[in-house]
Amino acid sequence: MALVRSGASCLTAAKASPSVAAGCLGRYNGPCVNWSCGTPVSILRIETEKETLALGAALAKLAQSGDVITLSGPLGVGKTTLSRGFIIERIGSEIDVSSPTFTLSHVYDLTTPPVWHFDFYRIDTPEDVEELGLDEAQADGISLIEWPDRAAAWLPAERLDITMAAMTDSDARTATMSASPKWMSRMGELVAIHGDL
């Protein structure tokens, strides 16, 4: 896994000028534009499935009760693989983790706090989210949310957004992370350990 862009220069640029930040990270959504909320922090290049699992595990070590992590990107780009790495790390053993595409949510309560894995790909209206337990998950658990743009109105401002994309020149992927203030202090730790992934 390789760090493409990160660090204080990007954070300073994002605060100083959206246009400068766009050149630094290739995109800038600013605070709470559409469903994305937060300051762009880093872009990681992920070469293998093992590295995607490792990124999920690294995030799991930093996650706290009440955290929301959104996972965006097209089908097959690694959102569920990242979630698998996260959940296995939190539980501490190998378990079967699949996308809750048809059930829409799954709770892994073998760990404290419990991890809620949501997949909003098949929700018909944002109001459908009310029935899935998102409020409960945000109150006393950790939420991993795939396809978050389908329920933007229900997302808290405090969260970590991860957008995954396929590289056009190879089989590698990128993971672009944007963090709200609650996550910002932990992102430096994630970037510091990225070489160990």
N, C-alpha and C. Protein backbone atom coordinates (compact mmCIF):
# COMPACT_ATOMS: atom_id res chain seq x y z
N MET A 1 0.86 -1.17 0.00
CA MET A 1 0.00 0.00 0.00
C MET A 1 0.90 1.22 0.00
N ALA A 2 0.58 2.17 -0.82
CA ALA A 2 1.40 3.37 -0.94
C ALA A 2 0.56 4.61 -0.70
N LEU A 3 1.13 5.55 0.01
CA LEU A 3 0.48 6.82 0.25
C LEU A 3 0.69 7.69 -0.98
N VAL A 4 -0.40 8.13 -1.58
CA VAL A 4 -0.32 8.97 -2.77
C VAL A 4 -0.21 10.44 -2.37
N ARG A 5 -1.11 10.90 -1.52
CA ARG A 5 -1.10 12.28 -1.03
C ARG A 5 -1.53 12.28 0.42
N SER A 6 -0.90 13.11 1.21
CA SER A 6 -1.32 13.24 2.60
C SER A 6 -0.51 14.35 3.26
N GLY A 7 -0.80 14.51 4.55
CA GLY A 7 0.05 15.35 5.38
C GLY A 7 -0.46 16.75 5.59
N ALA A 8 0.31 17.50 6.36
CA ALA A 8 -0.09 18.84 6.76
C ALA A 8 -0.25 19.76 5.56
N SER A 9 0.55 19.56 4.51
CA SER A 9 0.44 20.46 3.36
C SER A 9 -0.93 20.37 2.73
N CYS A 10 -1.48 19.15 2.66
CA CYS A 10 -2.82 19.00 2.10
C CYS A 10 -3.86 19.58 3.03
N LEU A 11 -3.69 19.36 4.33
CA LEU A 11 -4.65 19.89 5.29
C LEU A 11 -4.62 21.41 5.30
N THR A 12 -3.42 21.97 5.26
CA THR A 12 -3.30 23.41 5.22
C THR A 12 -3.92 23.97 3.95
N ALA A 13 -3.68 23.30 2.83
CA ALA A 13 -4.24 23.75 1.56
C ALA A 13 -5.76 23.70 1.60
N ALA A 14 -6.31 22.65 2.17
CA ALA A 14 -7.76 22.51 2.22
C ALA A 14 -8.39 23.63 3.03
N LYS A 15 -7.71 24.02 4.11
CA LYS A 15 -8.25 25.09 4.94
C LYS A 15 -8.09 26.46 4.26
N ALA A 16 -6.99 26.61 3.51
CA ALA A 16 -6.70 27.91 2.91
C ALA A 16 -7.50 28.16 1.64
N SER A 17 -7.62 27.15 0.81
CA SER A 17 -8.25 27.38 -0.49
C SER A 17 -8.73 26.08 -1.10
N PRO A 18 -10.02 25.97 -1.39
CA PRO A 18 -10.52 24.77 -2.05
C PRO A 18 -9.83 24.48 -3.37
N SER A 19 -9.46 25.51 -4.12
CA SER A 19 -8.83 25.26 -5.41
C SER A 19 -7.41 24.71 -5.23
N VAL A 20 -6.70 25.18 -4.21
CA VAL A 20 -5.37 24.63 -3.93
C VAL A 20 -5.50 23.20 -3.46
N ALA A 21 -6.49 22.94 -2.60
CA ALA A 21 -6.70 21.59 -2.11
C ALA A 21 -7.07 20.65 -3.24
N ALA A 22 -7.80 21.13 -4.22
CA ALA A 22 -8.17 20.29 -5.36
C ALA A 22 -6.93 19.82 -6.10
N GLY A 23 -5.96 20.70 -6.24
CA GLY A 23 -4.73 20.31 -6.89
C GLY A 23 -3.92 19.34 -6.05
N CYS A 24 -4.04 19.46 -4.74
CA CYS A 24 -3.29 18.60 -3.83
C CYS A 24 -3.86 17.19 -3.80
N LEU A 25 -5.16 17.08 -3.75
CA LEU A 25 -5.78 15.77 -3.59
C LEU A 25 -6.60 15.33 -4.79
N GLY A 26 -6.74 16.16 -5.78
CA GLY A 26 -7.49 15.76 -6.93
C GLY A 26 -8.99 15.97 -6.80
N ARG A 27 -9.45 16.37 -5.62
CA ARG A 27 -10.88 16.67 -5.42
C ARG A 27 -11.01 17.43 -4.11
N TYR A 28 -12.06 18.20 -4.00
CA TYR A 28 -12.36 18.87 -2.74
C TYR A 28 -13.85 19.04 -2.65
N ASN A 29 -14.45 18.44 -1.65
CA ASN A 29 -15.90 18.54 -1.50
C ASN A 29 -16.29 19.60 -0.49
N GLY A 30 -15.33 20.05 0.31
CA GLY A 30 -15.66 21.03 1.33
C GLY A 30 -16.56 20.43 2.38
N PRO A 31 -16.92 21.19 3.38
CA PRO A 31 -17.75 20.65 4.44
C PRO A 31 -19.19 20.45 3.99
N CYS A 32 -19.68 19.25 4.16
CA CYS A 32 -21.10 18.91 3.97
C CYS A 32 -21.66 19.27 2.60
N VAL A 33 -20.88 19.05 1.54
CA VAL A 33 -21.41 19.20 0.19
C VAL A 33 -21.91 17.84 -0.25
N ASN A 34 -23.15 17.78 -0.74
CA ASN A 34 -23.79 16.51 -1.05
C ASN A 34 -23.74 15.62 0.18
N TRP A 35 -23.28 14.38 0.05
CA TRP A 35 -23.26 13.53 1.23
C TRP A 35 -21.89 13.52 1.90
N SER A 36 -20.85 13.96 1.22
CA SER A 36 -19.50 13.92 1.77
C SER A 36 -19.29 15.09 2.71
N CYS A 37 -18.71 14.82 3.86
CA CYS A 37 -18.49 15.86 4.85
C CYS A 37 -17.11 15.70 5.46
N GLY A 38 -16.29 16.69 5.36
CA GLY A 38 -14.99 16.61 6.01
C GLY A 38 -13.90 17.16 5.13
N THR A 39 -12.71 17.15 5.67
CA THR A 39 -11.54 17.65 4.99
C THR A 39 -10.80 16.49 4.36
N PRO A 40 -10.45 16.57 3.08
CA PRO A 40 -9.65 15.50 2.48
C PRO A 40 -8.35 15.34 3.26
N VAL A 41 -8.02 14.11 3.60
CA VAL A 41 -6.84 13.86 4.40
C VAL A 41 -5.77 13.12 3.61
N SER A 42 -6.13 12.01 3.00
CA SER A 42 -5.11 11.24 2.29
C SER A 42 -5.73 10.35 1.23
N ILE A 43 -4.86 9.95 0.31
CA ILE A 43 -5.23 9.00 -0.72
C ILE A 43 -4.21 7.87 -0.65
N LEU A 44 -4.71 6.65 -0.47
CA LEU A 44 -3.84 5.48 -0.44
C LEU A 44 -4.01 4.69 -1.73
N ARG A 45 -2.91 4.20 -2.26
CA ARG A 45 -2.95 3.29 -3.41
C ARG A 45 -2.88 1.88 -2.83
N ILE A 46 -3.87 1.05 -3.16
CA ILE A 46 -3.97 -0.30 -2.64
C ILE A 46 -3.75 -1.27 -3.78
N GLU A 47 -2.73 -2.11 -3.65
CA GLU A 47 -2.35 -3.00 -4.74
C GLU A 47 -3.06 -4.35 -4.71
N THR A 48 -3.41 -4.84 -3.50
CA THR A 48 -3.92 -6.21 -3.39
C THR A 48 -5.11 -6.28 -2.43
N GLU A 49 -5.79 -7.42 -2.48
CA GLU A 49 -6.87 -7.66 -1.53
C GLU A 49 -6.33 -7.70 -0.11
N LYS A 50 -5.14 -8.27 0.06
CA LYS A 50 -4.51 -8.32 1.38
C LYS A 50 -4.31 -6.91 1.94
N GLU A 51 -3.92 -5.98 1.10
CA GLU A 51 -3.73 -4.59 1.56
C GLU A 51 -5.07 -3.94 1.90
N THR A 52 -6.13 -4.29 1.18
CA THR A 52 -7.46 -3.76 1.50
C THR A 52 -7.90 -4.27 2.86
N LEU A 53 -7.69 -5.57 3.13
CA LEU A 53 -8.00 -6.14 4.44
C LEU A 53 -7.19 -5.46 5.53
N ALA A 54 -5.91 -5.20 5.25
CA ALA A 54 -5.03 -4.55 6.22
C ALA A 54 -5.48 -3.13 6.54
N LEU A 55 -5.96 -2.40 5.53
CA LEU A 55 -6.47 -1.05 5.78
C LEU A 55 -7.70 -1.12 6.68
N GLY A 56 -8.58 -2.07 6.42
CA GLY A 56 -9.74 -2.26 7.29
C GLY A 56 -9.32 -2.56 8.73
N ALA A 57 -8.32 -3.42 8.89
CA ALA A 57 -7.83 -3.78 10.23
C ALA A 57 -7.23 -2.57 10.93
N ALA A 58 -6.47 -1.76 10.19
CA ALA A 58 -5.86 -0.56 10.78
C ALA A 58 -6.94 0.42 11.24
N LEU A 59 -7.98 0.59 10.45
CA LEU A 59 -9.09 1.47 10.85
C LEU A 59 -9.79 0.92 12.09
N ALA A 60 -9.93 -0.40 12.17
CA ALA A 60 -10.59 -1.02 13.32
C ALA A 60 -9.86 -0.72 14.62
N LYS A 61 -8.55 -0.64 14.55
CA LYS A 61 -7.76 -0.35 15.75
C LYS A 61 -7.98 1.08 16.25
N LEU A 62 -8.39 1.97 15.35
CA LEU A 62 -8.59 3.37 15.71
C LEU A 62 -10.04 3.73 16.01
N ALA A 63 -10.97 2.86 15.63
CA ALA A 63 -12.40 3.17 15.75
C ALA A 63 -12.86 3.14 17.21
N GLN A 64 -13.85 3.98 17.49
CA GLN A 64 -14.41 4.12 18.83
C GLN A 64 -15.93 4.04 18.76
N SER A 65 -16.54 3.80 19.89
CA SER A 65 -18.00 3.75 19.96
C SER A 65 -18.60 5.03 19.41
N GLY A 66 -19.62 4.89 18.58
CA GLY A 66 -20.29 6.03 17.97
C GLY A 66 -19.73 6.44 16.63
N ASP A 67 -18.61 5.83 16.22
CA ASP A 67 -18.00 6.19 14.94
C ASP A 67 -18.83 5.70 13.76
N VAL A 68 -18.81 6.50 12.70
CA VAL A 68 -19.45 6.14 11.44
C VAL A 68 -18.38 6.24 10.36
N ILE A 69 -18.23 5.14 9.60
CA ILE A 69 -17.29 5.10 8.48
C ILE A 69 -18.10 4.76 7.24
N THR A 70 -18.07 5.64 6.25
CA THR A 70 -18.80 5.40 5.02
C THR A 70 -17.85 4.88 3.95
N LEU A 71 -18.35 3.99 3.11
CA LEU A 71 -17.55 3.37 2.06
C LEU A 71 -18.27 3.54 0.73
N SER A 72 -17.68 4.32 -0.15
CA SER A 72 -18.29 4.61 -1.45
C SER A 72 -17.41 4.07 -2.56
N GLY A 73 -18.01 3.90 -3.73
CA GLY A 73 -17.29 3.44 -4.90
C GLY A 73 -18.15 2.46 -5.67
N PRO A 74 -17.77 2.17 -6.90
CA PRO A 74 -18.58 1.27 -7.73
C PRO A 74 -18.55 -0.17 -7.23
N LEU A 75 -19.42 -0.99 -7.78
CA LEU A 75 -19.46 -2.41 -7.44
C LEU A 75 -18.10 -3.05 -7.69
N GLY A 76 -17.68 -3.90 -6.77
CA GLY A 76 -16.46 -4.67 -6.96
C GLY A 76 -15.16 -3.96 -6.69
N VAL A 77 -15.20 -2.79 -6.07
CA VAL A 77 -13.97 -2.02 -5.88
C VAL A 77 -13.29 -2.31 -4.53
N GLY A 78 -13.96 -3.06 -3.64
CA GLY A 78 -13.31 -3.45 -2.39
C GLY A 78 -13.96 -2.95 -1.11
N LYS A 79 -15.16 -2.40 -1.19
CA LYS A 79 -15.82 -1.88 0.01
C LYS A 79 -16.08 -2.99 1.04
N THR A 80 -16.59 -4.11 0.58
CA THR A 80 -16.89 -5.22 1.49
C THR A 80 -15.60 -5.88 1.98
N THR A 81 -14.58 -5.92 1.15
CA THR A 81 -13.30 -6.48 1.59
C THR A 81 -12.71 -5.63 2.71
N LEU A 82 -12.77 -4.31 2.58
CA LEU A 82 -12.30 -3.43 3.65
C LEU A 82 -13.12 -3.66 4.91
N SER A 83 -14.44 -3.81 4.76
CA SER A 83 -15.31 -4.07 5.91
C SER A 83 -14.93 -5.39 6.57
N ARG A 84 -14.63 -6.41 5.75
CA ARG A 84 -14.23 -7.71 6.30
C ARG A 84 -12.98 -7.58 7.16
N GLY A 85 -11.98 -6.86 6.66
CA GLY A 85 -10.76 -6.66 7.44
C GLY A 85 -11.04 -5.95 8.75
N PHE A 86 -11.93 -4.96 8.71
CA PHE A 86 -12.31 -4.20 9.90
C PHE A 86 -12.98 -5.10 10.92
N ILE A 87 -13.98 -5.86 10.48
CA ILE A 87 -14.78 -6.68 11.39
C ILE A 87 -13.95 -7.82 11.99
N ILE A 88 -13.14 -8.47 11.16
CA ILE A 88 -12.30 -9.56 11.67
C ILE A 88 -11.32 -9.03 12.72
N GLU A 89 -10.75 -7.86 12.49
CA GLU A 89 -9.83 -7.26 13.48
C GLU A 89 -10.55 -6.95 14.78
N ARG A 90 -11.76 -6.41 14.71
CA ARG A 90 -12.51 -6.07 15.94
C ARG A 90 -12.88 -7.32 16.71
N ILE A 91 -13.28 -8.37 16.00
CA ILE A 91 -13.71 -9.61 16.67
C ILE A 91 -12.51 -10.41 17.15
N GLY A 92 -11.42 -10.36 16.42
CA GLY A 92 -10.21 -11.06 16.83
C GLY A 92 -10.09 -12.47 16.30
N SER A 93 -10.94 -12.85 15.38
CA SER A 93 -10.84 -14.18 14.77
C SER A 93 -11.47 -14.16 13.39
N GLU A 94 -11.10 -15.16 12.58
CA GLU A 94 -11.65 -15.29 11.24
C GLU A 94 -13.12 -15.67 11.31
N ILE A 95 -13.95 -14.88 10.67
CA ILE A 95 -15.37 -15.21 10.55
C ILE A 95 -15.80 -14.87 9.13
N ASP A 96 -16.94 -15.40 8.73
CA ASP A 96 -17.47 -15.10 7.42
C ASP A 96 -18.12 -13.72 7.45
N VAL A 97 -17.62 -12.81 6.63
CA VAL A 97 -18.19 -11.47 6.51
C VAL A 97 -18.56 -11.26 5.06
N SER A 98 -19.84 -11.06 4.81
CA SER A 98 -20.29 -10.79 3.44
C SER A 98 -21.08 -9.49 3.44
N SER A 99 -21.28 -8.96 2.26
CA SER A 99 -22.04 -7.72 2.15
C SER A 99 -23.50 -7.98 2.51
N PRO A 100 -24.08 -7.11 3.34
CA PRO A 100 -25.50 -7.27 3.66
C PRO A 100 -26.40 -6.65 2.59
N THR A 101 -26.11 -6.96 1.33
CA THR A 101 -26.83 -6.36 0.21
C THR A 101 -28.33 -6.64 0.29
N PHE A 102 -28.70 -7.86 0.65
CA PHE A 102 -30.12 -8.21 0.66
C PHE A 102 -30.77 -8.00 2.02
N THR A 103 -30.01 -8.16 3.10
CA THR A 103 -30.56 -7.93 4.44
C THR A 103 -30.45 -6.46 4.84
N LEU A 104 -29.61 -5.71 4.14
CA LEU A 104 -29.36 -4.28 4.34
C LEU A 104 -28.52 -3.95 5.56
N SER A 105 -28.54 -4.81 6.57
CA SER A 105 -27.68 -4.58 7.73
C SER A 105 -27.36 -5.89 8.42
N HIS A 106 -26.23 -5.89 9.11
CA HIS A 106 -25.84 -7.04 9.93
C HIS A 106 -25.09 -6.49 11.13
N VAL A 107 -25.42 -7.02 12.31
CA VAL A 107 -24.76 -6.59 13.53
C VAL A 107 -23.79 -7.67 13.98
N TYR A 108 -22.55 -7.28 14.22
CA TYR A 108 -21.54 -8.18 14.77
C TYR A 108 -21.38 -7.79 16.24
N ASP A 109 -22.07 -8.53 17.10
CA ASP A 109 -22.07 -8.18 18.52
C ASP A 109 -21.13 -9.05 19.35
N LEU A 110 -20.18 -9.70 18.70
CA LEU A 110 -19.17 -10.48 19.41
C LEU A 110 -18.04 -9.59 19.92
N THR A 111 -18.17 -8.31 19.69
CA THR A 111 -17.17 -7.35 20.12
C THR A 111 -17.87 -6.17 20.78
N THR A 112 -17.13 -5.45 21.61
CA THR A 112 -17.66 -4.26 22.26
C THR A 112 -16.82 -3.07 21.83
N PRO A 113 -17.43 -2.05 21.29
CA PRO A 113 -18.84 -1.94 20.94
C PRO A 113 -19.17 -2.81 19.73
N PRO A 114 -20.46 -3.11 19.54
CA PRO A 114 -20.83 -3.90 18.36
C PRO A 114 -20.55 -3.14 17.07
N VAL A 115 -20.29 -3.89 16.00
CA VAL A 115 -20.07 -3.30 14.68
C VAL A 115 -21.31 -3.56 13.84
N TRP A 116 -21.88 -2.49 13.31
CA TRP A 116 -23.03 -2.56 12.42
C TRP A 116 -22.54 -2.37 11.00
N HIS A 117 -22.84 -3.32 10.14
CA HIS A 117 -22.44 -3.24 8.74
C HIS A 117 -23.70 -3.02 7.90
N PHE A 118 -23.78 -1.87 7.28
CA PHE A 118 -24.94 -1.50 6.47
C PHE A 118 -24.57 -1.49 5.00
N ASP A 119 -25.52 -1.87 4.15
CA ASP A 119 -25.37 -1.74 2.70
C ASP A 119 -26.66 -1.11 2.18
N PHE A 120 -26.58 0.13 1.74
CA PHE A 120 -27.77 0.88 1.32
C PHE A 120 -28.03 0.78 -0.19
N TYR A 121 -27.33 -0.14 -0.86
CA TYR A 121 -27.48 -0.23 -2.31
C TYR A 121 -28.93 -0.46 -2.75
N ARG A 122 -29.67 -1.25 -1.98
CA ARG A 122 -31.03 -1.61 -2.38
C ARG A 122 -32.14 -0.85 -1.65
N ILE A 123 -31.79 0.18 -0.89
CA ILE A 123 -32.89 0.91 -0.24
C ILE A 123 -33.63 1.73 -1.29
N ASP A 124 -34.93 1.82 -1.11
CA ASP A 124 -35.75 2.54 -2.08
C ASP A 124 -35.84 4.03 -1.76
N THR A 125 -35.95 4.36 -0.48
CA THR A 125 -36.04 5.76 -0.07
C THR A 125 -35.17 5.96 1.16
N PRO A 126 -34.67 7.15 1.38
CA PRO A 126 -33.88 7.40 2.59
C PRO A 126 -34.63 7.05 3.88
N GLU A 127 -35.95 7.13 3.85
CA GLU A 127 -36.73 6.83 5.04
C GLU A 127 -36.61 5.36 5.44
N ASP A 128 -36.27 4.49 4.47
CA ASP A 128 -36.08 3.07 4.78
C ASP A 128 -34.97 2.87 5.81
N VAL A 129 -34.07 3.83 5.90
CA VAL A 129 -32.95 3.73 6.83
C VAL A 129 -33.44 3.71 8.27
N GLU A 130 -34.53 4.40 8.54
CA GLU A 130 -35.08 4.44 9.91
C GLU A 130 -35.31 3.05 10.47
N GLU A 131 -35.73 2.13 9.63
CA GLU A 131 -36.08 0.79 10.09
C GLU A 131 -34.87 -0.12 10.28
N LEU A 132 -33.69 0.32 9.89
CA LEU A 132 -32.52 -0.54 9.93
C LEU A 132 -31.71 -0.46 11.21
N GLY A 133 -32.02 0.48 12.09
CA GLY A 133 -31.29 0.60 13.35
C GLY A 133 -30.10 1.52 13.30
N LEU A 134 -30.06 2.42 12.31
CA LEU A 134 -28.92 3.32 12.20
C LEU A 134 -28.77 4.21 13.44
N ASP A 135 -29.89 4.68 14.00
CA ASP A 135 -29.81 5.50 15.22
C ASP A 135 -29.18 4.72 16.37
N GLU A 136 -29.60 3.47 16.53
CA GLU A 136 -29.06 2.63 17.60
C GLU A 136 -27.57 2.38 17.37
N ALA A 137 -27.21 2.11 16.14
CA ALA A 137 -25.81 1.86 15.81
C ALA A 137 -24.94 3.06 16.14
N GLN A 138 -25.43 4.25 15.82
CA GLN A 138 -24.65 5.46 16.09
C GLN A 138 -24.59 5.77 17.58
N ALA A 139 -25.56 5.30 18.33
CA ALA A 139 -25.58 5.59 19.77
C ALA A 139 -24.59 4.73 20.54
N ASP A 140 -24.49 3.44 20.20
CA ASP A 140 -23.65 2.57 21.03
C ASP A 140 -22.79 1.59 20.25
N GLY A 141 -22.62 1.82 18.96
CA GLY A 141 -21.81 0.91 18.17
C GLY A 141 -20.90 1.65 17.23
N ILE A 142 -20.33 0.90 16.29
CA ILE A 142 -19.53 1.44 15.21
C ILE A 142 -20.25 1.07 13.93
N SER A 143 -20.43 2.03 13.04
CA SER A 143 -21.17 1.80 11.80
C SER A 143 -20.25 1.84 10.59
N LEU A 144 -20.32 0.78 9.78
CA LEU A 144 -19.69 0.74 8.46
C LEU A 144 -20.83 0.81 7.46
N ILE A 145 -20.82 1.81 6.59
CA ILE A 145 -21.95 2.03 5.69
C ILE A 145 -21.49 2.04 4.24
N GLU A 146 -21.91 1.01 3.49
CA GLU A 146 -21.65 0.97 2.05
C GLU A 146 -22.79 1.69 1.34
N TRP A 147 -22.48 2.37 0.25
CA TRP A 147 -23.43 3.15 -0.55
C TRP A 147 -24.11 4.23 0.30
N PRO A 148 -23.36 5.05 1.02
CA PRO A 148 -23.94 6.05 1.92
C PRO A 148 -24.70 7.17 1.20
N ASP A 149 -24.37 7.42 -0.06
CA ASP A 149 -25.02 8.51 -0.79
C ASP A 149 -26.52 8.26 -0.94
N ARG A 150 -26.97 7.04 -0.78
CA ARG A 150 -28.40 6.73 -0.91
C ARG A 150 -29.20 7.09 0.33
N ALA A 151 -28.51 7.52 1.38
CA ALA A 151 -29.19 7.91 2.61
C ALA A 151 -28.49 9.11 3.23
N ALA A 152 -28.12 10.06 2.39
CA ALA A 152 -27.33 11.20 2.83
C ALA A 152 -27.96 11.96 3.99
N ALA A 153 -29.27 12.09 3.98
CA ALA A 153 -29.95 12.86 5.02
C ALA A 153 -29.80 12.25 6.40
N TRP A 154 -29.47 10.97 6.47
CA TRP A 154 -29.40 10.27 7.76
C TRP A 154 -27.98 10.16 8.29
N LEU A 155 -27.01 10.65 7.55
CA LEU A 155 -25.62 10.53 7.98
C LEU A 155 -25.25 11.66 8.93
N PRO A 156 -24.51 11.32 9.99
CA PRO A 156 -24.06 12.38 10.90
C PRO A 156 -22.92 13.17 10.27
N ALA A 157 -22.74 14.39 10.72
CA ALA A 157 -21.64 15.21 10.21
C ALA A 157 -20.29 14.65 10.65
N GLU A 158 -20.24 14.05 11.84
CA GLU A 158 -19.00 13.49 12.36
C GLU A 158 -18.83 12.07 11.84
N ARG A 159 -17.90 11.91 10.88
CA ARG A 159 -17.68 10.59 10.31
C ARG A 159 -16.39 10.58 9.49
N LEU A 160 -16.00 9.40 9.06
CA LEU A 160 -14.89 9.22 8.14
C LEU A 160 -15.47 8.70 6.84
N ASP A 161 -15.25 9.41 5.74
CA ASP A 161 -15.70 8.99 4.42
C ASP A 161 -14.52 8.39 3.66
N ILE A 162 -14.73 7.21 3.10
CA ILE A 162 -13.71 6.56 2.28
C ILE A 162 -14.32 6.30 0.91
N THR A 163 -13.69 6.85 -0.11
CA THR A 163 -14.15 6.62 -1.48
C THR A 163 -13.11 5.77 -2.18
N MET A 164 -13.54 4.59 -2.63
CA MET A 164 -12.64 3.67 -3.30
C MET A 164 -12.87 3.73 -4.80
N ALA A 165 -11.80 3.62 -5.55
CA ALA A 165 -11.89 3.68 -7.01
C ALA A 165 -10.83 2.78 -7.62
N ALA A 166 -11.15 2.25 -8.79
CA ALA A 166 -10.19 1.43 -9.53
C ALA A 166 -9.26 2.34 -10.31
N MET A 167 -8.00 1.97 -10.38
CA MET A 167 -7.02 2.70 -11.18
C MET A 167 -7.20 2.29 -12.63
N THR A 168 -7.05 3.22 -13.54
CA THR A 168 -7.24 2.89 -14.96
C THR A 168 -6.03 2.20 -15.57
N ASP A 169 -4.86 2.38 -14.95
CA ASP A 169 -3.63 1.84 -15.54
C ASP A 169 -3.17 0.53 -14.93
N SER A 170 -3.91 -0.02 -13.94
CA SER A 170 -3.50 -1.26 -13.29
C SER A 170 -4.69 -1.85 -12.54
N ASP A 171 -4.45 -2.95 -11.84
CA ASP A 171 -5.49 -3.57 -11.01
C ASP A 171 -5.58 -2.93 -9.63
N ALA A 172 -4.75 -1.94 -9.37
CA ALA A 172 -4.73 -1.29 -8.06
C ALA A 172 -6.00 -0.46 -7.84
N ARG A 173 -6.22 -0.10 -6.59
CA ARG A 173 -7.34 0.73 -6.18
C ARG A 173 -6.78 1.94 -5.43
N THR A 174 -7.61 2.96 -5.33
CA THR A 174 -7.28 4.07 -4.43
C THR A 174 -8.36 4.17 -3.37
N ALA A 175 -7.95 4.59 -2.19
CA ALA A 175 -8.88 4.87 -1.10
C ALA A 175 -8.65 6.32 -0.68
N THR A 176 -9.61 7.18 -1.02
CA THR A 176 -9.52 8.59 -0.66
C THR A 176 -10.31 8.80 0.62
N MET A 177 -9.65 9.32 1.64
CA MET A 177 -10.29 9.49 2.95
C MET A 177 -10.51 10.95 3.26
N SER A 178 -11.72 11.26 3.72
CA SER A 178 -12.07 12.60 4.18
C SER A 178 -12.57 12.47 5.61
N ALA A 179 -12.08 13.32 6.47
CA ALA A 179 -12.36 13.17 7.90
C ALA A 179 -13.01 14.41 8.48
N SER A 180 -14.00 14.18 9.33
CA SER A 180 -14.57 15.26 10.13
C SER A 180 -13.64 15.49 11.33
N PRO A 181 -13.86 16.53 12.11
CA PRO A 181 -12.95 16.82 13.23
C PRO A 181 -12.74 15.66 14.20
N LYS A 182 -13.76 14.89 14.48
CA LYS A 182 -13.62 13.77 15.43
C LYS A 182 -12.61 12.75 14.92
N TRP A 183 -12.57 12.54 13.62
CA TRP A 183 -11.63 11.59 13.03
C TRP A 183 -10.28 12.21 12.72
N MET A 184 -10.24 13.51 12.53
CA MET A 184 -9.02 14.17 12.07
C MET A 184 -7.82 13.85 12.95
N SER A 185 -8.02 13.86 14.27
CA SER A 185 -6.89 13.62 15.17
C SER A 185 -6.36 12.20 15.05
N ARG A 186 -7.19 11.26 14.63
CA ARG A 186 -6.75 9.87 14.48
C ARG A 186 -6.15 9.58 13.12
N MET A 187 -6.39 10.44 12.14
CA MET A 187 -5.91 10.17 10.79
C MET A 187 -4.39 10.23 10.70
N GLY A 188 -3.77 11.09 11.48
CA GLY A 188 -2.31 11.14 11.49
C GLY A 188 -1.73 9.80 11.91
N GLU A 189 -2.37 9.16 12.88
CA GLU A 189 -1.93 7.85 13.34
C GLU A 189 -2.07 6.81 12.23
N LEU A 190 -3.18 6.87 11.50
CA LEU A 190 -3.39 5.94 10.40
C LEU A 190 -2.34 6.14 9.31
N VAL A 191 -2.10 7.38 8.95
CA VAL A 191 -1.11 7.69 7.92
C VAL A 191 0.28 7.26 8.40
N ALA A 192 0.58 7.42 9.69
CA ALA A 192 1.88 7.06 10.22
C ALA A 192 2.13 5.56 10.13
N ILE A 193 1.08 4.75 10.28
CA ILE A 193 1.27 3.31 10.25
C ILE A 193 1.02 2.69 8.88
N HIS A 194 0.69 3.50 7.88
CA HIS A 194 0.32 2.93 6.58
C HIS A 194 1.43 2.06 6.00
N GLY A 195 2.67 2.36 6.30
CA GLY A 195 3.77 1.56 5.78
C GLY A 195 3.82 0.16 6.37
N ASP A 196 3.19 -0.02 7.54
CA ASP A 196 3.17 -1.33 8.19
C ASP A 196 2.03 -2.19 7.71
N LEU A 197 1.15 -1.62 6.88
CA LEU A 197 0.00 -2.39 6.41
C LEU A 197 0.49 -3.42 5.44
